[in-house]
C-alpha atoms as a PDB file:
ATOM      1  CA  MET A   1     102.900 103.898 117.247  1.00  0.00           C
ATOM      2  CA  ALA A   2     106.701 103.126 117.535  1.00  0.00           C
ATOM      3  CA  VAL A   3     109.215 105.859 118.763  1.00  0.00           C
ATOM      4  CA  LEU A   4     112.629 105.529 117.259  1.00  0.00           C
ATOM      5  CA  LYS A   5     115.799 107.196 118.552  1.00  0.00           C
ATOM      6  CA  VAL A   6     119.051 107.812 116.573  1.00  0.00           C
ATOM      7  CA  ILE A   7     122.522 107.871 118.043  1.00  0.00           C
ATOM      8  CA  GLU A   8     125.710 108.450 116.259  1.00  0.00           C
ATOM      9  CA  ILE A   9     128.765 106.186 116.605  1.00  0.00           C
ATOM     10  CA  LEU A  10     132.325 106.214 115.555  1.00  0.00           C
ATOM     11  CA  SER A  11     134.077 103.090 115.021  1.00  0.00           C
ATOM     12  CA  ASN A  12     137.333 101.791 113.440  1.00  0.00           C
ATOM     13  CA  SER A  13     139.078  98.664 112.177  1.00  0.00           C
ATOM     14  CA  ASP A  14     142.257  97.557 110.505  1.00  0.00           C
ATOM     15  CA  LYS A  15     140.494  95.169 108.268  1.00  0.00           C
ATOM     16  CA  SER A  16     137.646  97.136 106.577  1.00  0.00           C
ATOM     17  CA  TRP A  17     134.772  99.582 106.583  1.00  0.00           C
ATOM     18  CA  GLU A  18     132.454  96.765 106.855  1.00  0.00           C
ATOM     19  CA  ASP A  19     134.367  95.320 109.840  1.00  0.00           C
ATOM     20  CA  ALA A  20     134.085  98.495 111.461  1.00  0.00           C
ATOM     21  CA  THR A  21     130.369  98.612 111.033  1.00  0.00           C
ATOM     22  CA  ILE A  22     129.904  95.166 112.476  1.00  0.00           C
ATOM     23  CA  LYS A  23     132.146  95.926 115.318  1.00  0.00           C
ATOM     24  CA  ALA A  24     130.233  99.099 116.026  1.00  0.00           C
ATOM     25  CA  VAL A  25     126.705  97.370 115.964  1.00  0.00           C
ATOM     26  CA  LYS A  26     127.950  94.714 118.312  1.00  0.00           C
ATOM     27  CA  HIS A  27     129.429  97.147 120.607  1.00  0.00           C
ATOM     28  CA  ALA A  28     126.323  99.194 120.890  1.00  0.00           C
ATOM     29  CA  ALA A  29     124.093  96.155 121.065  1.00  0.00           C
ATOM     30  CA  LYS A  30     125.517  95.503 124.659  1.00  0.00           C
ATOM     31  CA  SER A  31     124.005  98.525 126.027  1.00  0.00           C
ATOM     32  CA  VAL A  32     121.081  99.544 123.454  1.00  0.00           C
ATOM     33  CA  LYS A  33     118.093  97.305 122.677  1.00  0.00           C
ATOM     34  CA  ASN A  34     115.892  97.001 119.660  1.00  0.00           C
ATOM     35  CA  ILE A  35     118.338  98.184 117.183  1.00  0.00           C
ATOM     36  CA  LYS A  36     116.420  98.464 113.890  1.00  0.00           C
ATOM     37  CA  SER A  37     119.040  99.770 111.324  1.00  0.00           C
ATOM     38  CA  VAL A  38     122.464 101.492 110.883  1.00  0.00           C
ATOM     39  CA  TYR A  39     123.365 104.253 108.255  1.00  0.00           C
ATOM     40  CA  VAL A  40     126.983 104.629 107.261  1.00  0.00           C
ATOM     41  CA  GLN A  41     127.169 108.339 107.361  1.00  0.00           C
ATOM     42  CA  ASP A  42     130.900 108.788 106.679  1.00  0.00           C
ATOM     43  CA  GLN A  43     133.826 106.445 105.770  1.00  0.00           C
ATOM     44  CA  SER A  44     137.586 107.466 105.965  1.00  0.00           C
ATOM     45  CA  ALA A  45     140.987 105.807 106.344  1.00  0.00           C
ATOM     46  CA  ILE A  46     144.373 106.495 108.101  1.00  0.00           C
ATOM     47  CA  VAL A  47     147.451 106.117 105.564  1.00  0.00           C
ATOM     48  CA  LYS A  48     150.967 105.370 107.136  1.00  0.00           C
ATOM     49  CA  ASN A  49     153.965 104.822 104.729  1.00  0.00           C
ATOM     50  CA  ASP A  50     151.692 104.766 101.664  1.00  0.00           C
ATOM     51  CA  GLU A  51     149.407 102.054 103.087  1.00  0.00           C
ATOM     52  CA  VAL A  52     145.956 101.996 104.604  1.00  0.00           C
ATOM     53  CA  THR A  53     146.578 101.067 108.243  1.00  0.00           C
ATOM     54  CA  GLU A  54     142.909 101.847 109.754  1.00  0.00           C
ATOM     55  CA  PHE A  55     139.329 102.237 108.360  1.00  0.00           C
ATOM     56  CA  ARG A  56     136.991 104.449 110.182  1.00  0.00           C
ATOM     57  CA  VAL A  57     133.115 104.759 109.936  1.00  0.00           C
ATOM     58  CA  ASN A  58     130.683 107.348 111.361  1.00  0.00           C
ATOM     59  CA  LEU A  59     127.339 105.563 111.865  1.00  0.00           C
ATOM     60  CA  LYS A  60     123.810 106.503 112.848  1.00  0.00           C
ATOM     61  CA  ILE A  61     122.143 103.705 114.516  1.00  0.00           C
ATOM     62  CA  THR A  62     118.340 103.628 114.865  1.00  0.00           C
ATOM     63  CA  PHE A  63     116.597 101.753 117.637  1.00  0.00           C
ATOM     64  CA  GLU A  64     112.987 101.523 118.940  1.00  0.00           C
ATOM     65  CA  VAL A  65     112.315 102.944 122.248  1.00  0.00           C
ATOM     66  CA  ASN A  66     110.012 101.087 124.655  1.00  0.00           C
END
């Protein structure tokens, strides 16, 4: 039987929501092993001077506990 744990992570990027997601997983993988999946719970963006300047994601990362 596998035991899984879920943590919530916030991340941002000046490129895209996809880039913010990739950055979050890479950063989490430095201290969390056995990542199995990521669920994008929420997306938002910051607008300045009528332009999107930052993409933000709220993620749930699932990993297996040994």
